Protein backbone atom coordinates (compact mmCIF):
# COMPACT_ATOMS: atom_id res chain seq x y z
CA UNK A 1 115.59 69.74 104.19
CA UNK A 2 117.58 71.66 106.58
CA UNK A 3 119.58 74.86 105.45
CA UNK A 4 122.32 76.33 107.08
CA UNK A 5 121.24 79.89 108.29
CA UNK A 6 123.98 81.45 106.07
CA UNK A 7 122.91 79.63 102.91
CA UNK A 8 119.35 80.61 103.64
CA UNK A 9 120.37 84.07 104.15
CA UNK A 10 122.18 84.18 101.00
CA UNK A 11 118.95 82.48 99.16
CA UNK A 12 116.75 85.24 100.66
CA UNK A 13 119.14 88.08 99.22
CA UNK A 14 119.14 86.84 95.90
CA UNK A 15 115.05 86.98 96.08
CA UNK A 16 115.44 90.32 97.34
CA UNK A 17 117.88 91.33 94.80
CA UNK A 18 115.94 89.75 91.78
CA UNK A 19 112.91 91.80 93.05
CA UNK A 20 110.88 88.82 93.63
CA UNK A 21 107.96 89.58 95.86
CA UNK A 22 108.19 88.04 98.97
CA UNK A 23 105.20 88.67 101.47
CA UNK A 24 105.45 88.85 105.52
CA UNK A 25 104.13 85.42 105.91
CA UNK A 26 106.41 84.26 102.92
CA UNK A 27 109.52 85.75 104.62
CA UNK A 28 108.79 84.16 108.08
CA UNK A 29 108.13 80.57 106.64
CA UNK A 30 111.21 80.85 104.76
CA UNK A 31 113.07 80.80 107.91
CA UNK A 32 114.17 77.60 109.40
CA UNK A 33 111.69 75.61 111.75
CA UNK A 34 113.74 74.10 114.29
CA UNK A 35 113.13 74.37 118.13
CA UNK A 36 115.54 77.32 118.63
CA UNK A 37 115.14 78.48 115.33
CA UNK A 38 115.72 81.83 113.47
CA UNK A 39 112.07 81.87 112.49
CA UNK A 40 111.04 81.56 115.87
CA UNK A 41 113.70 84.40 117.09
CA UNK A 42 112.66 86.51 114.34
CA UNK A 43 108.94 86.46 115.47
CA UNK A 44 109.89 87.28 119.02
CA UNK A 45 111.82 90.33 117.78
CA UNK A 46 109.12 91.47 115.40
CA UNK A 47 106.91 90.93 118.72
CA UNK A 48 109.34 92.95 120.97
CA UNK A 49 109.83 95.76 118.19
CA UNK A 50 106.10 96.11 117.99
CA UNK A 51 105.34 95.63 121.50
CA UNK A 52 102.54 92.90 121.02
CA UNK A 53 102.52 89.45 122.00
CA UNK A 54 104.36 86.51 119.90
CA UNK A 55 100.55 85.18 119.50
CA UNK A 56 99.49 88.53 117.52
CA UNK A 57 102.38 87.82 115.00
CA UNK A 58 101.21 84.30 114.40
CA UNK A 59 97.82 85.73 113.76
CA UNK A 60 99.16 88.36 111.46
CA UNK A 61 100.95 85.63 109.56
CA UNK A 62 97.79 83.36 109.35
CA UNK A 63 95.38 86.45 108.33
CA UNK A 64 93.41 85.94 111.46
CA UNK A 65 94.38 89.64 112.35
CA UNK A 66 95.03 92.50 110.05
CA UNK A 67 98.38 94.46 110.62
CA UNK A 68 97.92 97.94 111.67
CA UNK A 69 99.83 100.62 109.55
CA UNK A 70 102.33 101.51 112.21
CA UNK A 71 103.52 97.80 112.75
CA UNK A 72 103.61 97.51 108.97
CA UNK A 73 106.01 100.39 109.07
CA UNK A 74 108.10 98.70 111.77
CA UNK A 75 108.10 95.22 110.43
CA UNK A 76 109.05 96.75 106.94
CA UNK A 77 112.23 98.76 108.37
CA UNK A 78 113.11 95.66 110.57
CA UNK A 79 113.40 93.11 107.65
CA UNK A 80 114.77 95.66 105.25
CA UNK A 81 111.77 94.67 102.73
CA UNK A 82 109.41 97.33 101.28
CA UNK A 83 106.14 97.55 102.94
CA UNK A 84 103.95 97.15 99.61
CA UNK A 85 105.91 94.00 98.98
CA UNK A 86 105.29 92.70 102.76
CA UNK A 87 101.79 93.40 102.89
CA UNK A 88 100.49 93.66 98.90
CA UNK A 89 96.97 93.61 100.15
CA UNK A 90 97.48 97.50 101.55
CA UNK A 91 98.17 98.61 98.24
CA UNK A 92 95.61 96.95 96.29
CA UNK A 93 92.83 98.76 98.47
CA UNK A 94 94.34 102.28 97.97
């Protein structure tokens, strides 16, 4: 099922307003998956902001690599979602 970008954006905003937790992989995976998709664009934007390769972002999403705290902060600010919601495993270990 394909969603228009505006419909998906509204759906995500409702989840955020309702305080439904959305982890980093959840957020990325909720984006459309077409060839030139918003999802791929967002991954490239995150990679550019963190000054890493897009494969690193994919590894973060799959859990193959842990996201360093400095990158967590950058991603959180970029997406407008609290860091402890995007990366709940960090909060549990503190």
